[in-house]
């Protein structure tokens, strides 16, 4: 085998390894909220894929919130939402989405769950989550990044918040400052998750084309040498 063929083969192997290493990232639960700022009201979208090895449907999702003062969930067909709210202080600790009978996130599918809330005044907000399947399996997405870098097996969904004008205090006025959400499901207008999937698909197609072209070059060179 010539040095040229070896070089092409090495490039193919590296490209394949890169694609294989990136694939598992798509299977994580993600949180997104374009333009979210510290202390501001934002619409947060949780992108939840089904990664059950047996094809069991995802039927419940619980997301722990950073003790927000106000929150509202969006209507989602086939699902009900329940806020864990402190009856005295009104603070919302978590939200749980539960699939109605016959519904859920099936194999090779993902679901988008949206909630409007007032974010804390912090640089980063974590949303520890628990994903439950119809077969009783539970996956907890609550792991911090490893000390040496890289990504945890089940990373906690998080948001990096920008800086912006401080939001008015909700003390004694929370009923006027509840996050506004449409009453019906409506079209999906959050750009984050959609762009995320489109970008991933484009990269996958480009990577596949690169692999096919490189393999064709290796075969052609091999035939010439023969």
N, C-alpha and C. Protein backbone atom coordinates (compact mmCIF):
# COMPACT_ATOMS: atom_id res chain seq x y z
N UNK A 1 0.85 -1.20 0.00
CA UNK A 1 0.00 0.00 0.00
C UNK A 1 0.88 1.25 0.00
N UNK A 2 0.64 2.19 -0.92
CA UNK A 2 1.45 3.40 -1.01
C UNK A 2 1.16 4.35 0.13
N UNK A 3 2.05 5.34 0.28
CA UNK A 3 1.84 6.34 1.33
C UNK A 3 0.56 7.13 1.09
N UNK A 4 0.23 7.34 -0.20
CA UNK A 4 -1.00 8.10 -0.50
C UNK A 4 -2.23 7.34 -0.05
N UNK A 5 -2.25 6.04 -0.32
CA UNK A 5 -3.39 5.23 0.09
C UNK A 5 -3.49 5.19 1.61
N UNK A 6 -2.33 5.07 2.28
CA UNK A 6 -2.34 5.05 3.75
C UNK A 6 -2.90 6.36 4.30
N UNK A 7 -2.52 7.47 3.66
CA UNK A 7 -2.99 8.78 4.14
C UNK A 7 -4.50 8.91 3.99
N UNK A 8 -5.01 8.47 2.83
CA UNK A 8 -6.45 8.54 2.62
C UNK A 8 -7.19 7.65 3.59
N UNK A 9 -6.67 6.44 3.81
CA UNK A 9 -7.31 5.52 4.75
C UNK A 9 -7.32 6.08 6.15
N UNK A 10 -6.22 6.75 6.55
CA UNK A 10 -6.17 7.36 7.88
C UNK A 10 -7.21 8.46 8.01
N UNK A 11 -7.37 9.26 6.94
CA UNK A 11 -8.37 10.33 6.97
C UNK A 11 -9.77 9.78 7.13
N UNK A 12 -10.04 8.67 6.43
CA UNK A 12 -11.35 8.03 6.54
C UNK A 12 -11.59 7.55 7.96
N UNK A 13 -10.59 6.94 8.57
CA UNK A 13 -10.73 6.44 9.94
C UNK A 13 -10.97 7.57 10.92
N UNK A 14 -10.24 8.68 10.75
CA UNK A 14 -10.41 9.81 11.66
C UNK A 14 -11.79 10.43 11.51
N UNK A 15 -12.26 10.55 10.26
CA UNK A 15 -13.60 11.11 10.05
C UNK A 15 -14.67 10.23 10.65
N UNK A 16 -14.52 8.93 10.48
CA UNK A 16 -15.51 8.00 11.05
C UNK A 16 -15.51 8.08 12.56
N UNK A 17 -14.33 8.17 13.15
CA UNK A 17 -14.25 8.28 14.61
C UNK A 17 -14.87 9.55 15.12
N UNK A 18 -14.69 10.64 14.37
CA UNK A 18 -15.28 11.91 14.77
C UNK A 18 -16.79 11.85 14.75
N UNK A 19 -17.36 11.25 13.70
CA UNK A 19 -18.82 11.14 13.62
C UNK A 19 -19.35 10.23 14.70
N UNK A 20 -18.68 9.14 14.97
CA UNK A 20 -19.14 8.21 16.00
C UNK A 20 -19.09 8.84 17.36
N UNK A 21 -18.07 9.67 17.61
CA UNK A 21 -17.95 10.31 18.92
C UNK A 21 -18.99 11.37 19.14
N UNK A 22 -19.46 11.99 18.04
CA UNK A 22 -20.44 13.08 18.18
C UNK A 22 -21.85 12.56 18.33
N UNK A 23 -22.12 11.37 17.83
CA UNK A 23 -23.49 10.87 17.81
C UNK A 23 -24.16 10.79 19.17
N UNK A 24 -23.50 10.27 20.24
CA UNK A 24 -24.18 10.15 21.52
C UNK A 24 -24.64 11.47 22.10
N UNK A 25 -23.97 12.59 21.72
CA UNK A 25 -24.35 13.89 22.26
C UNK A 25 -25.78 14.23 21.87
N UNK A 26 -26.23 13.79 20.71
CA UNK A 26 -27.57 14.11 20.25
C UNK A 26 -28.62 13.45 21.12
N UNK A 27 -28.24 12.42 21.85
CA UNK A 27 -29.21 11.66 22.64
C UNK A 27 -29.40 12.23 24.03
N UNK A 28 -28.75 13.33 24.35
CA UNK A 28 -28.88 13.92 25.68
C UNK A 28 -30.11 14.82 25.76
N UNK A 29 -30.59 15.02 26.98
CA UNK A 29 -31.64 16.02 27.22
C UNK A 29 -30.99 17.39 27.24
N UNK A 30 -31.51 18.31 26.45
CA UNK A 30 -30.94 19.65 26.33
C UNK A 30 -31.94 20.71 26.79
N UNK A 31 -31.41 21.81 27.32
CA UNK A 31 -32.21 22.98 27.65
C UNK A 31 -31.75 24.13 26.77
N UNK A 32 -32.68 24.90 26.23
CA UNK A 32 -32.31 26.04 25.40
C UNK A 32 -33.28 27.19 25.64
N UNK A 33 -32.75 28.40 25.51
CA UNK A 33 -33.57 29.61 25.64
C UNK A 33 -32.78 30.76 25.03
N UNK A 34 -32.87 30.95 23.72
CA UNK A 34 -32.11 32.00 23.05
C UNK A 34 -32.38 33.37 23.65
N UNK A 35 -31.30 34.09 23.96
CA UNK A 35 -31.43 35.43 24.49
C UNK A 35 -31.76 35.53 25.96
N UNK A 36 -31.74 34.41 26.69
CA UNK A 36 -32.07 34.44 28.12
C UNK A 36 -31.02 35.23 28.89
N UNK A 37 -31.48 36.06 29.82
CA UNK A 37 -30.57 36.88 30.62
C UNK A 37 -30.81 36.65 32.10
N UNK A 38 -29.84 37.01 32.89
CA UNK A 38 -29.91 36.84 34.34
C UNK A 38 -31.07 37.65 34.91
N UNK A 39 -31.94 36.98 35.67
CA UNK A 39 -33.05 37.66 36.31
C UNK A 39 -34.22 37.98 35.40
N UNK A 40 -34.15 37.56 34.15
CA UNK A 40 -35.21 37.88 33.21
C UNK A 40 -36.23 36.76 33.07
N UNK A 41 -37.34 37.08 32.42
CA UNK A 41 -38.36 36.08 32.11
C UNK A 41 -38.01 35.45 30.77
N UNK A 42 -38.06 34.13 30.70
CA UNK A 42 -37.66 33.44 29.47
C UNK A 42 -38.52 32.22 29.23
N UNK A 43 -38.60 31.82 27.98
CA UNK A 43 -39.23 30.56 27.60
C UNK A 43 -38.11 29.54 27.46
N UNK A 44 -38.12 28.53 28.30
CA UNK A 44 -37.09 27.49 28.28
C UNK A 44 -37.66 26.24 27.63
N UNK A 45 -36.95 25.71 26.67
CA UNK A 45 -37.37 24.50 25.96
C UNK A 45 -36.47 23.34 26.33
N UNK A 46 -37.07 22.23 26.71
CA UNK A 46 -36.32 21.01 27.00
C UNK A 46 -36.54 20.04 25.85
N UNK A 47 -35.44 19.65 25.24
CA UNK A 47 -35.46 18.71 24.12
C UNK A 47 -35.16 17.32 24.66
N UNK A 48 -36.12 16.43 24.56
CA UNK A 48 -36.02 15.11 25.21
C UNK A 48 -36.09 14.00 24.15
N UNK A 49 -34.98 13.30 23.91
CA UNK A 49 -35.00 12.19 22.96
C UNK A 49 -35.35 10.88 23.64
N UNK A 50 -35.84 9.93 22.89
CA UNK A 50 -36.07 8.59 23.42
C UNK A 50 -34.84 7.75 23.08
N UNK A 51 -34.14 7.28 24.08
CA UNK A 51 -32.95 6.47 23.85
C UNK A 51 -33.08 5.10 24.53
N UNK A 52 -34.30 4.63 24.68
CA UNK A 52 -34.52 3.32 25.30
C UNK A 52 -33.97 2.21 24.40
N UNK A 53 -33.12 1.33 24.93
CA UNK A 53 -32.59 0.23 24.11
C UNK A 53 -33.66 -0.77 23.71
N UNK A 54 -34.79 -0.77 24.42
CA UNK A 54 -35.86 -1.72 24.11
C UNK A 54 -36.99 -1.08 23.30
N UNK A 55 -36.87 0.23 23.03
CA UNK A 55 -37.91 0.92 22.27
C UNK A 55 -39.09 1.34 23.11
N UNK A 56 -38.96 1.27 24.44
CA UNK A 56 -40.05 1.68 25.32
C UNK A 56 -40.26 3.19 25.22
N UNK A 57 -41.50 3.63 25.31
CA UNK A 57 -41.83 5.05 25.16
C UNK A 57 -41.50 5.83 26.43
N UNK A 58 -41.07 7.08 26.24
CA UNK A 58 -40.91 8.00 27.37
C UNK A 58 -42.30 8.49 27.76
N UNK A 59 -42.65 8.34 29.01
CA UNK A 59 -44.00 8.70 29.46
C UNK A 59 -44.02 9.78 30.54
N UNK A 60 -42.86 10.17 31.05
CA UNK A 60 -42.85 11.20 32.09
C UNK A 60 -41.50 11.89 32.14
N UNK A 61 -41.54 13.17 32.42
CA UNK A 61 -40.33 13.98 32.58
C UNK A 61 -40.51 14.92 33.75
N UNK A 62 -39.59 14.86 34.70
CA UNK A 62 -39.59 15.79 35.83
C UNK A 62 -38.34 16.65 35.75
N UNK A 63 -38.52 17.96 35.79
CA UNK A 63 -37.40 18.90 35.74
C UNK A 63 -37.39 19.71 37.03
N UNK A 64 -36.26 19.68 37.71
CA UNK A 64 -36.09 20.48 38.93
C UNK A 64 -35.74 21.91 38.54
N UNK A 65 -36.50 22.86 39.05
CA UNK A 65 -36.29 24.27 38.75
C UNK A 65 -35.51 24.94 39.87
N UNK A 66 -34.85 26.05 39.58
CA UNK A 66 -34.06 26.74 40.60
C UNK A 66 -34.93 27.59 41.54
N UNK A 67 -35.99 26.98 42.08
CA UNK A 67 -36.90 27.69 43.00
C UNK A 67 -37.33 29.04 42.43
N UNK A 68 -38.02 28.98 41.31
CA UNK A 68 -38.41 30.21 40.62
C UNK A 68 -39.67 30.78 41.25
N UNK A 69 -39.80 32.10 41.17
CA UNK A 69 -40.94 32.78 41.79
C UNK A 69 -42.21 32.63 40.96
N UNK A 70 -42.07 32.39 39.67
CA UNK A 70 -43.25 32.24 38.82
C UNK A 70 -42.91 31.35 37.64
N UNK A 71 -43.88 30.58 37.20
CA UNK A 71 -43.67 29.69 36.06
C UNK A 71 -45.02 29.27 35.48
N UNK A 72 -45.04 29.05 34.18
CA UNK A 72 -46.24 28.56 33.50
C UNK A 72 -45.82 27.60 32.40
N UNK A 73 -46.54 26.50 32.28
CA UNK A 73 -46.23 25.52 31.24
C UNK A 73 -47.09 25.77 30.01
N UNK A 74 -46.59 25.34 28.87
CA UNK A 74 -47.34 25.46 27.62
C UNK A 74 -48.21 24.22 27.43
N UNK A 75 -49.39 24.41 26.89
CA UNK A 75 -50.26 23.28 26.58
C UNK A 75 -49.59 22.39 25.55
N UNK A 76 -49.56 21.07 25.82
CA UNK A 76 -48.93 20.12 24.92
C UNK A 76 -49.87 18.94 24.71
N UNK A 77 -50.35 18.73 23.49
CA UNK A 77 -51.28 17.63 23.23
C UNK A 77 -50.69 16.28 23.64
N UNK A 78 -51.50 15.49 24.34
CA UNK A 78 -51.05 14.16 24.76
C UNK A 78 -50.29 14.15 26.06
N UNK A 79 -50.14 15.32 26.69
CA UNK A 79 -49.39 15.41 27.94
C UNK A 79 -50.11 16.33 28.92
N UNK A 80 -49.93 16.05 30.21
CA UNK A 80 -50.39 16.95 31.26
C UNK A 80 -49.16 17.48 32.00
N UNK A 81 -49.28 18.66 32.58
CA UNK A 81 -48.16 19.26 33.30
C UNK A 81 -48.60 19.61 34.72
N UNK A 82 -47.72 19.38 35.67
CA UNK A 82 -48.01 19.68 37.07
C UNK A 82 -46.82 20.42 37.68
N UNK A 83 -47.10 21.58 38.27
CA UNK A 83 -46.06 22.36 38.94
C UNK A 83 -46.04 22.02 40.42
N UNK A 84 -44.86 21.78 40.94
CA UNK A 84 -44.69 21.57 42.38
C UNK A 84 -44.45 22.94 43.01
N UNK A 85 -45.53 23.55 43.49
CA UNK A 85 -45.48 24.91 44.00
C UNK A 85 -45.70 24.92 45.51
N UNK A 86 -44.89 25.69 46.21
CA UNK A 86 -45.04 25.84 47.66
C UNK A 86 -46.30 26.65 47.92
N UNK A 87 -47.20 26.10 48.70
CA UNK A 87 -48.49 26.75 48.92
C UNK A 87 -48.37 28.06 49.70
N UNK A 88 -47.32 28.20 50.50
CA UNK A 88 -47.17 29.41 51.31
C UNK A 88 -46.41 30.51 50.56
N UNK A 89 -45.25 30.16 50.02
CA UNK A 89 -44.41 31.17 49.37
C UNK A 89 -44.72 31.34 47.89
N UNK A 90 -45.33 30.32 47.28
CA UNK A 90 -45.60 30.39 45.85
C UNK A 90 -44.42 29.99 44.98
N UNK A 91 -43.30 29.65 45.61
CA UNK A 91 -42.10 29.26 44.86
C UNK A 91 -42.34 27.93 44.15
N UNK A 92 -41.90 27.84 42.91
CA UNK A 92 -42.06 26.61 42.12
C UNK A 92 -40.75 25.83 42.16
N UNK A 93 -40.81 24.60 42.66
CA UNK A 93 -39.61 23.78 42.81
C UNK A 93 -39.34 22.89 41.60
N UNK A 94 -40.37 22.42 40.94
CA UNK A 94 -40.18 21.50 39.81
C UNK A 94 -41.43 21.46 38.95
N UNK A 95 -41.29 20.84 37.80
CA UNK A 95 -42.42 20.62 36.90
C UNK A 95 -42.35 19.18 36.39
N UNK A 96 -43.50 18.53 36.30
CA UNK A 96 -43.57 17.15 35.80
C UNK A 96 -44.56 17.07 34.66
N UNK A 97 -44.09 16.59 33.52
CA UNK A 97 -44.96 16.33 32.38
C UNK A 97 -45.25 14.84 32.33
N UNK A 98 -46.51 14.46 32.21
CA UNK A 98 -46.91 13.05 32.17
C UNK A 98 -47.75 12.79 30.92
N UNK A 99 -47.41 11.74 30.20
CA UNK A 99 -48.13 11.40 28.98
C UNK A 99 -49.49 10.81 29.31
N UNK A 100 -50.49 11.17 28.54
CA UNK A 100 -51.82 10.57 28.70
C UNK A 100 -51.81 9.17 28.07
N UNK A 101 -52.77 8.31 28.43
CA UNK A 101 -52.79 6.95 27.87
C UNK A 101 -52.72 6.95 26.35
N UNK A 102 -51.82 6.13 25.82
CA UNK A 102 -51.65 6.04 24.37
C UNK A 102 -50.69 7.06 23.80
N UNK A 103 -50.16 7.96 24.65
CA UNK A 103 -49.22 8.98 24.18
C UNK A 103 -47.83 8.69 24.73
N UNK A 104 -46.89 9.53 24.37
CA UNK A 104 -45.51 9.37 24.83
C UNK A 104 -44.55 9.63 23.69
N UNK A 105 -43.26 9.57 24.00
CA UNK A 105 -42.21 9.74 23.00
C UNK A 105 -41.73 8.36 22.59
N UNK A 106 -42.00 7.97 21.35
CA UNK A 106 -41.66 6.64 20.88
C UNK A 106 -40.22 6.51 20.44
N UNK A 107 -39.86 5.32 19.99
CA UNK A 107 -38.50 5.06 19.51
C UNK A 107 -38.18 5.97 18.32
N UNK A 108 -36.93 6.47 18.29
CA UNK A 108 -36.45 7.35 17.22
C UNK A 108 -37.23 8.65 17.15
N UNK A 109 -37.79 9.07 18.28
CA UNK A 109 -38.50 10.34 18.34
C UNK A 109 -37.92 11.21 19.46
N UNK A 110 -38.28 12.48 19.43
CA UNK A 110 -37.94 13.38 20.53
C UNK A 110 -39.14 14.28 20.79
N UNK A 111 -39.19 14.85 21.99
CA UNK A 111 -40.27 15.75 22.35
C UNK A 111 -39.73 17.07 22.85
N UNK A 112 -40.49 18.14 22.65
CA UNK A 112 -40.13 19.47 23.14
C UNK A 112 -41.11 19.86 24.24
N UNK A 113 -40.57 20.26 25.38
CA UNK A 113 -41.38 20.66 26.53
C UNK A 113 -40.98 22.08 26.89
N UNK A 114 -41.96 22.97 26.93
CA UNK A 114 -41.65 24.39 27.14
C UNK A 114 -42.31 24.91 28.41
N UNK A 115 -41.56 25.78 29.07
CA UNK A 115 -42.05 26.41 30.29
C UNK A 115 -41.51 27.83 30.34
N UNK A 116 -42.37 28.77 30.71
CA UNK A 116 -41.96 30.16 30.89
C UNK A 116 -41.71 30.38 32.37
N UNK A 117 -40.62 31.03 32.67
CA UNK A 117 -40.26 31.25 34.08
C UNK A 117 -39.38 32.47 34.23
N UNK A 118 -39.29 32.94 35.47
CA UNK A 118 -38.34 34.01 35.77
C UNK A 118 -37.05 33.35 36.23
N UNK A 119 -35.98 33.62 35.52
CA UNK A 119 -34.70 32.99 35.79
C UNK A 119 -33.99 33.67 36.96
N UNK A 120 -33.13 32.94 37.66
CA UNK A 120 -32.38 33.55 38.77
C UNK A 120 -31.27 34.45 38.25
N UNK A 121 -30.75 35.27 39.13
CA UNK A 121 -29.64 36.15 38.77
C UNK A 121 -28.34 35.36 38.93
N UNK A 122 -28.01 34.56 37.94
CA UNK A 122 -26.82 33.71 37.99
C UNK A 122 -26.27 33.52 36.59
N UNK A 123 -24.99 33.17 36.50
CA UNK A 123 -24.37 32.97 35.20
C UNK A 123 -24.85 31.68 34.54
N UNK A 124 -25.04 30.63 35.35
CA UNK A 124 -25.44 29.33 34.84
C UNK A 124 -26.60 28.79 35.66
N UNK A 125 -27.56 28.19 34.98
CA UNK A 125 -28.70 27.57 35.65
C UNK A 125 -28.75 26.10 35.25
N UNK A 126 -28.77 25.22 36.23
CA UNK A 126 -28.87 23.79 35.97
C UNK A 126 -30.31 23.31 36.20
N UNK A 127 -30.72 22.33 35.41
CA UNK A 127 -32.06 21.76 35.52
C UNK A 127 -31.97 20.23 35.64
N UNK A 128 -31.62 19.72 36.82
CA UNK A 128 -31.58 18.25 36.98
C UNK A 128 -32.92 17.64 36.58
N UNK A 129 -32.87 16.59 35.78
CA UNK A 129 -34.10 16.02 35.22
C UNK A 129 -34.14 14.52 35.39
N UNK A 130 -35.36 13.99 35.41
CA UNK A 130 -35.58 12.54 35.48
C UNK A 130 -36.51 12.15 34.35
N UNK A 131 -36.03 11.27 33.47
CA UNK A 131 -36.80 10.79 32.33
C UNK A 131 -37.27 9.37 32.62
N UNK A 132 -38.58 9.15 32.54
CA UNK A 132 -39.13 7.83 32.88
C UNK A 132 -39.80 7.20 31.65
N UNK A 133 -39.61 5.88 31.56
CA UNK A 133 -40.12 5.12 30.43
C UNK A 133 -41.29 4.22 30.85
N UNK A 134 -42.03 3.75 29.85
CA UNK A 134 -43.21 2.92 30.11
C UNK A 134 -42.85 1.60 30.77
N UNK A 135 -41.62 1.12 30.58
CA UNK A 135 -41.21 -0.15 31.18
C UNK A 135 -40.68 0.01 32.60
N UNK A 136 -40.79 1.23 33.17
CA UNK A 136 -40.35 1.48 34.53
C UNK A 136 -38.94 1.99 34.66
N UNK A 137 -38.19 2.04 33.56
CA UNK A 137 -36.82 2.55 33.60
C UNK A 137 -36.81 4.05 33.85
N UNK A 138 -35.85 4.50 34.64
CA UNK A 138 -35.68 5.93 34.90
C UNK A 138 -34.23 6.33 34.62
N UNK A 139 -34.05 7.40 33.88
CA UNK A 139 -32.73 7.94 33.60
C UNK A 139 -32.66 9.33 34.21
N UNK A 140 -31.67 9.55 35.06
CA UNK A 140 -31.52 10.84 35.73
C UNK A 140 -30.41 11.64 35.03
N UNK A 141 -30.79 12.80 34.55
CA UNK A 141 -29.86 13.71 33.89
C UNK A 141 -29.44 14.76 34.91
N UNK A 142 -28.39 14.46 35.66
CA UNK A 142 -28.01 15.34 36.77
C UNK A 142 -26.50 15.36 37.03
N UNK A 143 -25.71 14.89 36.09
CA UNK A 143 -24.27 14.79 36.32
C UNK A 143 -23.54 16.04 35.85
N UNK A 144 -22.61 16.52 36.71
CA UNK A 144 -21.78 17.67 36.36
C UNK A 144 -20.64 17.22 35.44
N UNK A 145 -20.03 18.14 34.71
CA UNK A 145 -18.90 17.77 33.85
C UNK A 145 -17.76 17.16 34.67
N UNK A 146 -17.04 16.18 34.13
CA UNK A 146 -15.92 15.57 34.85
C UNK A 146 -14.83 16.60 35.13
N UNK A 147 -14.06 16.43 36.21
CA UNK A 147 -13.00 17.38 36.56
C UNK A 147 -11.98 17.57 35.44
N UNK A 148 -11.68 16.50 34.72
CA UNK A 148 -10.66 16.58 33.67
C UNK A 148 -11.18 17.10 32.34
N UNK A 149 -12.43 17.54 32.29
CA UNK A 149 -13.02 18.00 31.04
C UNK A 149 -13.84 16.91 30.38
N UNK A 150 -14.41 17.23 29.24
CA UNK A 150 -15.25 16.27 28.54
C UNK A 150 -16.69 16.37 29.00
N UNK A 151 -17.45 15.32 28.78
CA UNK A 151 -18.87 15.32 29.10
C UNK A 151 -19.25 14.09 29.90
N UNK A 152 -20.14 14.29 30.85
CA UNK A 152 -20.62 13.18 31.67
C UNK A 152 -21.53 12.27 30.85
N UNK A 153 -21.76 11.08 31.37
CA UNK A 153 -22.63 10.13 30.66
C UNK A 153 -24.07 10.64 30.60
N UNK A 154 -24.53 11.23 31.69
CA UNK A 154 -25.88 11.80 31.74
C UNK A 154 -25.77 13.25 32.24
N UNK A 155 -25.30 14.16 31.40
CA UNK A 155 -25.07 15.54 31.82
C UNK A 155 -26.35 16.26 32.20
N UNK A 156 -26.24 17.14 33.18
CA UNK A 156 -27.39 17.91 33.61
C UNK A 156 -27.69 18.98 32.56
N UNK A 157 -28.94 19.16 32.15
CA UNK A 157 -29.28 20.25 31.24
C UNK A 157 -28.99 21.59 31.91
N UNK A 158 -28.40 22.51 31.17
CA UNK A 158 -28.04 23.79 31.77
C UNK A 158 -28.17 24.91 30.76
N UNK A 159 -28.24 26.13 31.29
CA UNK A 159 -28.31 27.33 30.46
C UNK A 159 -27.22 28.30 30.89
N UNK A 160 -26.55 28.90 29.94
CA UNK A 160 -25.64 30.00 30.20
C UNK A 160 -26.41 31.29 29.98
N UNK A 161 -26.52 32.10 31.01
CA UNK A 161 -27.33 33.32 30.92
C UNK A 161 -26.47 34.53 30.61
N UNK A 162 -27.03 35.40 29.78
CA UNK A 162 -26.34 36.63 29.46
C UNK A 162 -26.65 37.70 30.50
N UNK A 163 -26.03 38.85 30.31
CA UNK A 163 -26.28 39.98 31.22
C UNK A 163 -27.29 40.91 30.57
N UNK A 164 -28.10 41.53 31.40
CA UNK A 164 -29.12 42.42 30.89
C UNK A 164 -29.68 43.25 32.03
N UNK A 165 -30.61 44.13 31.74
CA UNK A 165 -31.22 44.94 32.80
C UNK A 165 -31.95 44.06 33.80
N UNK A 166 -31.80 44.39 35.07
CA UNK A 166 -32.44 43.61 36.13
C UNK A 166 -33.95 43.68 36.00
N UNK A 167 -34.60 42.55 36.19
CA UNK A 167 -36.06 42.51 36.12
C UNK A 167 -36.67 43.10 37.37
N UNK A 168 -37.85 43.76 37.27
CA UNK A 168 -38.51 44.32 38.45
C UNK A 168 -38.82 43.25 39.48
N UNK A 169 -38.79 43.63 40.73
CA UNK A 169 -39.11 42.68 41.80
C UNK A 169 -40.55 42.24 41.70
N UNK A 170 -40.82 40.97 42.02
CA UNK A 170 -42.19 40.45 41.97
C UNK A 170 -42.88 40.55 43.32
N UNK A 171 -42.24 41.12 44.31
CA UNK A 171 -42.83 41.19 45.64
C UNK A 171 -44.10 42.03 45.60
N UNK A 172 -45.20 41.42 45.99
CA UNK A 172 -46.52 42.05 46.03
C UNK A 172 -47.10 42.31 44.64
N UNK A 173 -46.39 41.91 43.58
CA UNK A 173 -46.91 42.19 42.24
C UNK A 173 -46.76 40.98 41.33
N UNK A 174 -46.65 39.82 41.90
CA UNK A 174 -46.39 38.64 41.08
C UNK A 174 -47.54 38.35 40.12
N UNK A 175 -48.78 38.74 40.49
CA UNK A 175 -49.91 38.44 39.63
C UNK A 175 -49.89 39.28 38.36
N UNK A 176 -49.12 40.39 38.36
CA UNK A 176 -49.01 41.21 37.16
C UNK A 176 -47.82 40.80 36.31
N UNK A 177 -46.90 40.01 36.85
CA UNK A 177 -45.67 39.73 36.15
C UNK A 177 -45.47 38.26 35.87
N UNK A 178 -46.56 37.49 35.86
CA UNK A 178 -46.45 36.07 35.50
C UNK A 178 -46.00 35.97 34.04
N UNK A 179 -45.13 35.03 33.71
CA UNK A 179 -44.72 34.88 32.31
C UNK A 179 -45.93 34.58 31.44
N UNK A 180 -45.98 35.22 30.28
CA UNK A 180 -47.10 35.04 29.37
C UNK A 180 -46.82 33.88 28.42
N UNK A 181 -47.80 32.98 28.27
CA UNK A 181 -47.66 31.82 27.39
C UNK A 181 -48.96 31.66 26.62
N UNK A 182 -48.87 31.24 25.36
CA UNK A 182 -50.07 31.04 24.56
C UNK A 182 -50.91 29.93 25.15
N UNK A 183 -52.23 30.04 25.03
CA UNK A 183 -53.12 29.07 25.65
C UNK A 183 -53.12 27.74 24.91
N UNK A 184 -52.84 27.74 23.64
CA UNK A 184 -52.85 26.49 22.86
C UNK A 184 -51.45 26.11 22.46
N UNK A 185 -51.32 24.93 21.80
CA UNK A 185 -50.01 24.46 21.42
C UNK A 185 -49.35 25.34 20.38
N UNK A 186 -50.10 25.74 19.34
CA UNK A 186 -49.58 26.65 18.34
C UNK A 186 -48.35 26.08 17.64
N UNK A 187 -47.79 26.81 16.68
CA UNK A 187 -46.60 26.34 15.99
C UNK A 187 -45.38 26.49 16.87
N UNK A 188 -44.41 25.62 16.69
CA UNK A 188 -43.17 25.72 17.44
C UNK A 188 -42.36 26.88 16.87
N UNK A 189 -42.07 27.88 17.71
CA UNK A 189 -41.35 29.05 17.23
C UNK A 189 -40.01 29.21 17.88
N UNK A 190 -39.63 28.35 18.81
CA UNK A 190 -38.33 28.46 19.46
C UNK A 190 -37.27 28.01 18.49
N UNK A 191 -36.29 28.86 18.20
CA UNK A 191 -35.30 28.55 17.18
C UNK A 191 -34.25 27.58 17.64
N UNK A 192 -33.94 27.58 18.93
CA UNK A 192 -32.83 26.78 19.42
C UNK A 192 -32.87 25.32 19.03
N UNK A 193 -33.88 24.52 19.45
CA UNK A 193 -33.89 23.10 19.15
C UNK A 193 -33.96 22.80 17.67
N UNK A 194 -34.77 23.56 16.90
CA UNK A 194 -34.88 23.29 15.48
C UNK A 194 -33.56 23.50 14.76
N UNK A 195 -32.89 24.63 15.09
CA UNK A 195 -31.60 24.87 14.47
C UNK A 195 -30.60 23.82 14.88
N UNK A 196 -30.73 23.37 16.11
CA UNK A 196 -29.81 22.34 16.62
C UNK A 196 -29.92 21.08 15.79
N UNK A 197 -31.17 20.63 15.49
CA UNK A 197 -31.36 19.40 14.72
C UNK A 197 -30.94 19.60 13.28
N UNK A 198 -31.27 20.77 12.68
CA UNK A 198 -30.89 21.01 11.30
C UNK A 198 -29.38 21.02 11.14
N UNK A 199 -28.70 21.64 12.11
CA UNK A 199 -27.24 21.70 12.07
C UNK A 199 -26.65 20.31 12.19
N UNK A 200 -27.20 19.51 13.10
CA UNK A 200 -26.70 18.14 13.27
C UNK A 200 -26.90 17.33 12.00
N UNK A 201 -28.08 17.46 11.37
CA UNK A 201 -28.35 16.70 10.16
C UNK A 201 -27.41 17.10 9.04
N UNK A 202 -27.14 18.41 8.90
CA UNK A 202 -26.23 18.88 7.86
C UNK A 202 -24.83 18.32 8.06
N UNK A 203 -24.39 18.33 9.32
CA UNK A 203 -23.06 17.79 9.61
C UNK A 203 -22.99 16.31 9.30
N UNK A 204 -24.05 15.59 9.66
CA UNK A 204 -24.06 14.15 9.41
C UNK A 204 -24.01 13.86 7.92
N UNK A 205 -24.81 14.59 7.10
CA UNK A 205 -24.81 14.37 5.66
C UNK A 205 -23.46 14.72 5.06
N UNK A 206 -22.87 15.83 5.51
CA UNK A 206 -21.57 16.22 4.99
C UNK A 206 -20.51 15.19 5.35
N UNK A 207 -20.58 14.72 6.59
CA UNK A 207 -19.61 13.71 7.02
C UNK A 207 -19.76 12.42 6.23
N UNK A 208 -21.01 12.02 5.96
CA UNK A 208 -21.24 10.80 5.19
C UNK A 208 -20.71 10.94 3.78
N UNK A 209 -20.92 12.10 3.16
CA UNK A 209 -20.41 12.33 1.81
C UNK A 209 -18.90 12.27 1.78
N UNK A 210 -18.26 12.83 2.82
CA UNK A 210 -16.81 12.80 2.91
C UNK A 210 -16.30 11.37 3.00
N UNK A 211 -16.97 10.55 3.80
CA UNK A 211 -16.55 9.15 3.95
C UNK A 211 -16.69 8.40 2.63
N UNK A 212 -17.82 8.59 1.94
CA UNK A 212 -18.03 7.90 0.66
C UNK A 212 -16.98 8.30 -0.36
N UNK A 213 -16.69 9.60 -0.45
CA UNK A 213 -15.69 10.07 -1.41
C UNK A 213 -14.31 9.52 -1.09
N UNK A 214 -13.97 9.52 0.20
CA UNK A 214 -12.65 9.04 0.60
C UNK A 214 -12.51 7.55 0.32
N UNK A 215 -13.55 6.78 0.61
CA UNK A 215 -13.50 5.34 0.35
C UNK A 215 -13.38 5.07 -1.15
N UNK A 216 -14.08 5.84 -1.97
CA UNK A 216 -13.99 5.67 -3.42
C UNK A 216 -12.58 5.94 -3.91
N UNK A 217 -11.94 6.95 -3.30
CA UNK A 217 -10.56 7.26 -3.69
C UNK A 217 -9.62 6.13 -3.33
N UNK A 218 -9.82 5.54 -2.16
CA UNK A 218 -8.97 4.42 -1.74
C UNK A 218 -9.13 3.25 -2.70
N UNK A 219 -10.37 2.93 -3.07
CA UNK A 219 -10.63 1.80 -3.99
C UNK A 219 -10.01 2.07 -5.36
N UNK A 220 -10.17 3.31 -5.85
CA UNK A 220 -9.62 3.64 -7.17
C UNK A 220 -8.10 3.54 -7.18
N UNK A 221 -7.45 4.04 -6.15
CA UNK A 221 -6.00 3.98 -6.07
C UNK A 221 -5.52 2.55 -5.97
N UNK A 222 -6.28 1.75 -5.21
CA UNK A 222 -5.89 0.34 -5.07
C UNK A 222 -5.96 -0.38 -6.39
N UNK A 223 -6.99 -0.09 -7.19
CA UNK A 223 -7.13 -0.74 -8.49
C UNK A 223 -6.01 -0.33 -9.44
N UNK A 224 -5.63 0.95 -9.36
CA UNK A 224 -4.54 1.40 -10.22
C UNK A 224 -3.24 0.68 -9.89
N UNK A 225 -2.99 0.52 -8.58
CA UNK A 225 -1.76 -0.17 -8.16
C UNK A 225 -1.78 -1.62 -8.60
N UNK A 226 -2.98 -2.22 -8.60
CA UNK A 226 -3.08 -3.62 -9.00
C UNK A 226 -2.83 -3.77 -10.50
